[in-house]
Amino acid sequence: MIIKISENGRVTLPAGNVLGYVGEHMLRVHKVIHPQVENAMYTMVLVYDDDTEMTVNINDGEMVMTSGLLSAEGVVKAQFRATRNAGSVVHVLKSEVFTVKIMPSADV
């Protein structure tokens, strides 16, 4: 999947918006195209149905999904963040909140 973040934080997703399948491990790498912010760290915050929040690092425009991130089928709320540390964490850019899906295991 290619996730595009505009300068104003708007998100564009492909049809289907599938984050992955339950139980996949390091098989799914998503491309994240985002504005460049000087000295920033890029992350994707995922919030699951049970309000568990996980943060995934984005390195070189890629976000790697681990099995821990794909542990249960359902809809996940997501938000891209670019942050800088200048004594305290400062959110320089946040995207709008969007939804992605975790599908049932392909092994079923």
N, C-alpha and C. Protein backbone atom coordinates (compact mmCIF):
# COMPACT_ATOMS: atom_id res chain seq x y z
N MET A 1 0.85 -1.16 0.00
CA MET A 1 0.00 0.00 0.00
C MET A 1 0.90 1.23 0.00
N ILE A 2 0.46 2.25 -0.70
CA ILE A 2 1.14 3.53 -0.69
C ILE A 2 0.24 4.53 0.03
N ILE A 3 0.77 5.11 1.09
CA ILE A 3 0.05 6.11 1.87
C ILE A 3 0.69 7.46 1.55
N LYS A 4 -0.12 8.38 1.07
CA LYS A 4 0.40 9.71 0.71
C LYS A 4 -0.12 10.74 1.70
N ILE A 5 0.81 11.51 2.26
CA ILE A 5 0.48 12.58 3.20
C ILE A 5 0.83 13.91 2.52
N SER A 6 -0.14 14.80 2.42
CA SER A 6 0.12 16.10 1.79
C SER A 6 0.71 17.08 2.80
N GLU A 7 1.13 18.23 2.32
CA GLU A 7 1.70 19.28 3.18
C GLU A 7 0.74 19.72 4.27
N ASN A 8 -0.56 19.66 3.98
CA ASN A 8 -1.55 20.10 4.97
C ASN A 8 -2.10 18.93 5.81
N GLY A 9 -1.51 17.74 5.67
CA GLY A 9 -1.90 16.60 6.49
C GLY A 9 -3.02 15.74 5.95
N ARG A 10 -3.47 16.02 4.74
CA ARG A 10 -4.50 15.19 4.12
C ARG A 10 -3.87 13.86 3.70
N VAL A 11 -4.66 12.79 3.77
CA VAL A 11 -4.17 11.45 3.49
C VAL A 11 -4.88 10.88 2.27
N THR A 12 -4.09 10.25 1.40
CA THR A 12 -4.63 9.54 0.25
C THR A 12 -4.21 8.09 0.36
N LEU A 13 -5.20 7.19 0.25
CA LEU A 13 -4.96 5.75 0.36
C LEU A 13 -5.48 5.05 -0.89
N PRO A 14 -4.91 3.88 -1.21
CA PRO A 14 -5.47 3.11 -2.32
C PRO A 14 -6.79 2.46 -1.91
N ALA A 15 -7.55 2.04 -2.87
CA ALA A 15 -8.80 1.31 -2.58
C ALA A 15 -8.46 0.08 -1.75
N GLY A 16 -9.28 -0.23 -0.79
CA GLY A 16 -9.06 -1.41 0.05
C GLY A 16 -8.36 -1.10 1.34
N ASN A 17 -7.45 -0.18 1.34
CA ASN A 17 -6.66 0.26 2.50
C ASN A 17 -6.31 -0.86 3.50
N VAL A 18 -5.74 -1.94 2.99
CA VAL A 18 -5.39 -3.10 3.83
C VAL A 18 -4.00 -2.91 4.44
N LEU A 19 -3.95 -2.91 5.76
CA LEU A 19 -2.69 -2.79 6.49
C LEU A 19 -1.93 -4.10 6.47
N GLY A 20 -2.68 -5.22 6.50
CA GLY A 20 -2.07 -6.54 6.48
C GLY A 20 -3.08 -7.61 6.86
N TYR A 21 -2.57 -8.83 7.02
CA TYR A 21 -3.38 -9.98 7.40
C TYR A 21 -2.91 -10.50 8.75
N VAL A 22 -3.84 -10.95 9.58
CA VAL A 22 -3.50 -11.46 10.91
C VAL A 22 -2.38 -12.48 10.80
N GLY A 23 -1.35 -12.30 11.62
CA GLY A 23 -0.25 -13.27 11.70
C GLY A 23 0.90 -13.04 10.74
N GLU A 24 0.76 -12.14 9.78
CA GLU A 24 1.89 -11.85 8.89
C GLU A 24 3.03 -11.29 9.73
N HIS A 25 4.25 -11.57 9.31
CA HIS A 25 5.40 -11.05 10.05
C HIS A 25 6.46 -10.56 9.08
N MET A 26 6.66 -9.26 9.08
CA MET A 26 7.69 -8.61 8.28
C MET A 26 7.51 -8.86 6.78
N LEU A 27 6.31 -9.28 6.38
CA LEU A 27 6.06 -9.55 4.97
C LEU A 27 5.50 -8.32 4.26
N ARG A 28 4.90 -7.45 5.00
CA ARG A 28 4.21 -6.33 4.40
C ARG A 28 4.97 -5.04 4.73
N VAL A 29 5.41 -4.37 3.68
CA VAL A 29 6.10 -3.09 3.83
C VAL A 29 5.27 -2.06 3.08
N HIS A 30 4.88 -1.00 3.77
CA HIS A 30 4.07 0.04 3.15
C HIS A 30 4.95 1.26 2.86
N LYS A 31 4.74 1.83 1.71
CA LYS A 31 5.44 3.04 1.30
C LYS A 31 4.66 4.22 1.85
N VAL A 32 5.33 5.15 2.51
CA VAL A 32 4.70 6.35 3.04
C VAL A 32 5.38 7.56 2.40
N ILE A 33 4.62 8.27 1.58
CA ILE A 33 5.13 9.47 0.93
C ILE A 33 4.64 10.65 1.75
N HIS A 34 5.58 11.42 2.28
CA HIS A 34 5.21 12.49 3.21
C HIS A 34 6.10 13.71 3.02
N PRO A 35 5.66 14.85 3.54
CA PRO A 35 6.51 16.04 3.49
C PRO A 35 7.77 15.82 4.32
N GLN A 36 8.85 16.40 3.88
CA GLN A 36 10.11 16.31 4.62
C GLN A 36 10.18 17.46 5.61
N VAL A 37 10.51 17.13 6.85
CA VAL A 37 10.64 18.13 7.91
C VAL A 37 12.05 17.99 8.47
N GLU A 38 12.78 19.08 8.49
CA GLU A 38 14.18 19.05 8.93
C GLU A 38 14.30 18.52 10.36
N ASN A 39 15.22 17.57 10.55
CA ASN A 39 15.52 16.96 11.85
C ASN A 39 14.32 16.26 12.50
N ALA A 40 13.41 15.78 11.70
CA ALA A 40 12.22 15.13 12.26
C ALA A 40 12.33 13.62 12.22
N MET A 41 11.60 12.99 13.14
CA MET A 41 11.43 11.54 13.16
C MET A 41 10.00 11.29 12.68
N TYR A 42 9.82 10.28 11.83
CA TYR A 42 8.51 10.02 11.24
C TYR A 42 7.94 8.73 11.82
N THR A 43 6.68 8.79 12.25
CA THR A 43 6.02 7.62 12.81
C THR A 43 4.57 7.55 12.33
N MET A 44 4.00 6.36 12.49
CA MET A 44 2.58 6.15 12.26
C MET A 44 2.02 5.61 13.56
N VAL A 45 1.03 6.29 14.10
CA VAL A 45 0.38 5.85 15.33
C VAL A 45 -0.86 5.06 14.94
N LEU A 46 -0.97 3.84 15.46
CA LEU A 46 -2.10 2.96 15.18
C LEU A 46 -2.91 2.78 16.46
N VAL A 47 -4.22 2.98 16.38
CA VAL A 47 -5.11 2.80 17.54
C VAL A 47 -6.12 1.72 17.17
N TYR A 48 -6.09 0.63 17.95
CA TYR A 48 -6.92 -0.54 17.69
C TYR A 48 -8.29 -0.41 18.37
N ASP A 49 -9.21 -1.34 18.05
CA ASP A 49 -10.57 -1.32 18.61
C ASP A 49 -10.60 -1.29 20.13
N ASP A 50 -9.61 -1.91 20.78
CA ASP A 50 -9.58 -1.95 22.25
C ASP A 50 -8.83 -0.75 22.84
N ASP A 51 -8.57 0.27 22.01
CA ASP A 51 -7.87 1.51 22.38
C ASP A 51 -6.38 1.32 22.65
N THR A 52 -5.83 0.14 22.31
CA THR A 52 -4.39 -0.05 22.37
C THR A 52 -3.75 0.83 21.31
N GLU A 53 -2.68 1.51 21.69
CA GLU A 53 -1.98 2.40 20.77
C GLU A 53 -0.57 1.87 20.52
N MET A 54 -0.21 1.75 19.25
CA MET A 54 1.13 1.29 18.87
C MET A 54 1.73 2.34 17.94
N THR A 55 3.04 2.52 18.04
CA THR A 55 3.73 3.47 17.17
C THR A 55 4.72 2.70 16.30
N VAL A 56 4.66 2.97 15.00
CA VAL A 56 5.54 2.31 14.03
C VAL A 56 6.46 3.37 13.43
N ASN A 57 7.78 3.10 13.45
CA ASN A 57 8.72 4.02 12.83
C ASN A 57 8.64 3.94 11.32
N ILE A 58 8.83 5.08 10.69
CA ILE A 58 8.91 5.15 9.23
C ILE A 58 10.34 5.53 8.90
N ASN A 59 11.03 4.63 8.23
CA ASN A 59 12.43 4.85 7.86
C ASN A 59 12.55 4.82 6.35
N ASP A 60 13.18 5.83 5.80
CA ASP A 60 13.37 5.93 4.35
C ASP A 60 12.05 5.75 3.60
N GLY A 61 10.98 6.28 4.17
CA GLY A 61 9.68 6.23 3.51
C GLY A 61 9.00 4.87 3.55
N GLU A 62 9.46 3.97 4.44
CA GLU A 62 8.85 2.65 4.53
C GLU A 62 8.45 2.32 5.97
N MET A 63 7.32 1.65 6.08
CA MET A 63 6.79 1.22 7.36
C MET A 63 6.63 -0.30 7.29
N VAL A 64 7.35 -1.03 8.16
CA VAL A 64 7.34 -2.49 8.14
C VAL A 64 6.36 -2.99 9.19
N MET A 65 5.47 -3.88 8.78
CA MET A 65 4.47 -4.43 9.69
C MET A 65 4.99 -5.73 10.30
N THR A 66 4.94 -5.82 11.62
CA THR A 66 5.32 -7.04 12.33
C THR A 66 4.06 -7.78 12.76
N SER A 67 4.21 -9.02 13.19
CA SER A 67 3.04 -9.80 13.60
C SER A 67 2.35 -9.17 14.81
N GLY A 68 3.09 -8.51 15.67
CA GLY A 68 2.49 -7.85 16.82
C GLY A 68 1.56 -6.71 16.43
N LEU A 69 1.84 -6.10 15.31
CA LEU A 69 0.98 -5.02 14.81
C LEU A 69 -0.24 -5.56 14.08
N LEU A 70 -0.16 -6.83 13.68
CA LEU A 70 -1.24 -7.46 12.91
C LEU A 70 -1.81 -8.65 13.69
N SER A 71 -2.12 -8.43 14.96
CA SER A 71 -2.53 -9.54 15.82
C SER A 71 -4.02 -9.83 15.81
N ALA A 72 -4.85 -8.87 15.37
CA ALA A 72 -6.30 -9.09 15.40
C ALA A 72 -6.97 -8.42 14.20
N GLU A 73 -7.95 -9.10 13.66
CA GLU A 73 -8.72 -8.58 12.53
C GLU A 73 -9.53 -7.36 12.98
N GLY A 74 -9.66 -6.39 12.10
CA GLY A 74 -10.52 -5.24 12.41
C GLY A 74 -10.07 -3.97 11.74
N VAL A 75 -10.75 -2.90 12.11
CA VAL A 75 -10.44 -1.56 11.59
C VAL A 75 -9.54 -0.86 12.59
N VAL A 76 -8.51 -0.20 12.07
CA VAL A 76 -7.53 0.48 12.90
C VAL A 76 -7.51 1.95 12.50
N LYS A 77 -7.51 2.84 13.50
CA LYS A 77 -7.34 4.26 13.23
C LYS A 77 -5.85 4.54 13.16
N ALA A 78 -5.46 5.39 12.22
CA ALA A 78 -4.04 5.68 12.04
C ALA A 78 -3.82 7.18 11.89
N GLN A 79 -2.61 7.63 12.27
CA GLN A 79 -2.23 9.02 12.08
C GLN A 79 -0.72 9.10 11.89
N PHE A 80 -0.31 9.79 10.83
CA PHE A 80 1.10 10.05 10.57
C PHE A 80 1.54 11.22 11.44
N ARG A 81 2.78 11.11 11.97
CA ARG A 81 3.33 12.22 12.76
C ARG A 81 4.80 12.43 12.41
N ALA A 82 5.16 13.69 12.28
CA ALA A 82 6.56 14.09 12.14
C ALA A 82 6.88 14.86 13.41
N THR A 83 7.88 14.40 14.16
CA THR A 83 8.20 15.04 15.44
C THR A 83 9.69 15.39 15.51
N ARG A 84 9.97 16.41 16.29
CA ARG A 84 11.35 16.81 16.57
C ARG A 84 11.52 16.85 18.07
N ASN A 85 12.72 16.56 18.52
CA ASN A 85 13.01 16.64 19.94
C ASN A 85 13.91 17.85 20.18
N ALA A 86 13.33 18.86 20.80
CA ALA A 86 14.09 20.06 21.14
C ALA A 86 13.94 20.27 22.65
N GLY A 87 14.37 19.27 23.42
CA GLY A 87 14.19 19.31 24.86
C GLY A 87 12.92 18.60 25.27
N SER A 88 11.88 18.76 24.49
CA SER A 88 10.63 18.01 24.67
C SER A 88 10.11 17.69 23.27
N VAL A 89 9.30 16.65 23.18
CA VAL A 89 8.80 16.23 21.87
C VAL A 89 7.81 17.27 21.36
N VAL A 90 8.01 17.70 20.13
CA VAL A 90 7.14 18.68 19.50
C VAL A 90 6.59 18.06 18.22
N HIS A 91 5.28 18.03 18.10
CA HIS A 91 4.66 17.54 16.88
C HIS A 91 4.71 18.65 15.84
N VAL A 92 5.49 18.43 14.81
CA VAL A 92 5.65 19.43 13.77
C VAL A 92 4.54 19.29 12.73
N LEU A 93 4.17 18.05 12.44
CA LEU A 93 3.13 17.79 11.46
C LEU A 93 2.36 16.54 11.87
N LYS A 94 1.05 16.65 11.87
CA LYS A 94 0.18 15.50 12.11
C LYS A 94 -0.77 15.42 10.93
N SER A 95 -1.02 14.19 10.48
CA SER A 95 -2.02 14.02 9.43
C SER A 95 -3.40 13.94 10.05
N GLU A 96 -4.39 13.96 9.18
CA GLU A 96 -5.74 13.66 9.65
C GLU A 96 -5.76 12.20 10.11
N VAL A 97 -6.70 11.85 10.95
CA VAL A 97 -6.87 10.45 11.36
C VAL A 97 -7.59 9.73 10.23
N PHE A 98 -7.09 8.54 9.88
CA PHE A 98 -7.69 7.76 8.80
C PHE A 98 -7.80 6.31 9.25
N THR A 99 -8.53 5.51 8.51
CA THR A 99 -8.70 4.11 8.90
C THR A 99 -8.08 3.17 7.88
N VAL A 100 -7.54 2.08 8.41
CA VAL A 100 -6.99 0.99 7.61
C VAL A 100 -7.55 -0.31 8.19
N LYS A 101 -7.39 -1.41 7.45
CA LYS A 101 -7.98 -2.68 7.87
C LYS A 101 -6.93 -3.76 8.05
N ILE A 102 -7.16 -4.60 9.06
CA ILE A 102 -6.40 -5.84 9.21
C ILE A 102 -7.38 -6.95 8.85
N MET A 103 -7.00 -7.74 7.88
CA MET A 103 -7.87 -8.79 7.35
C MET A 103 -7.60 -10.11 8.07
N PRO A 104 -8.57 -11.06 7.98
CA PRO A 104 -8.34 -12.37 8.60
C PRO A 104 -7.14 -13.07 7.99
N SER A 105 -6.57 -13.99 8.72
CA SER A 105 -5.42 -14.74 8.25
C SER A 105 -5.72 -15.42 6.92
N ALA A 106 -4.75 -15.38 6.04
CA ALA A 106 -4.89 -16.04 4.73
C ALA A 106 -4.81 -17.56 4.88
N ASP A 107 -4.38 -18.04 6.05
CA ASP A 107 -4.24 -19.48 6.29
C ASP A 107 -5.55 -20.17 6.64
N VAL A 108 -6.58 -19.39 6.91
CA VAL A 108 -7.86 -19.97 7.36
C VAL A 108 -8.60 -20.61 6.22
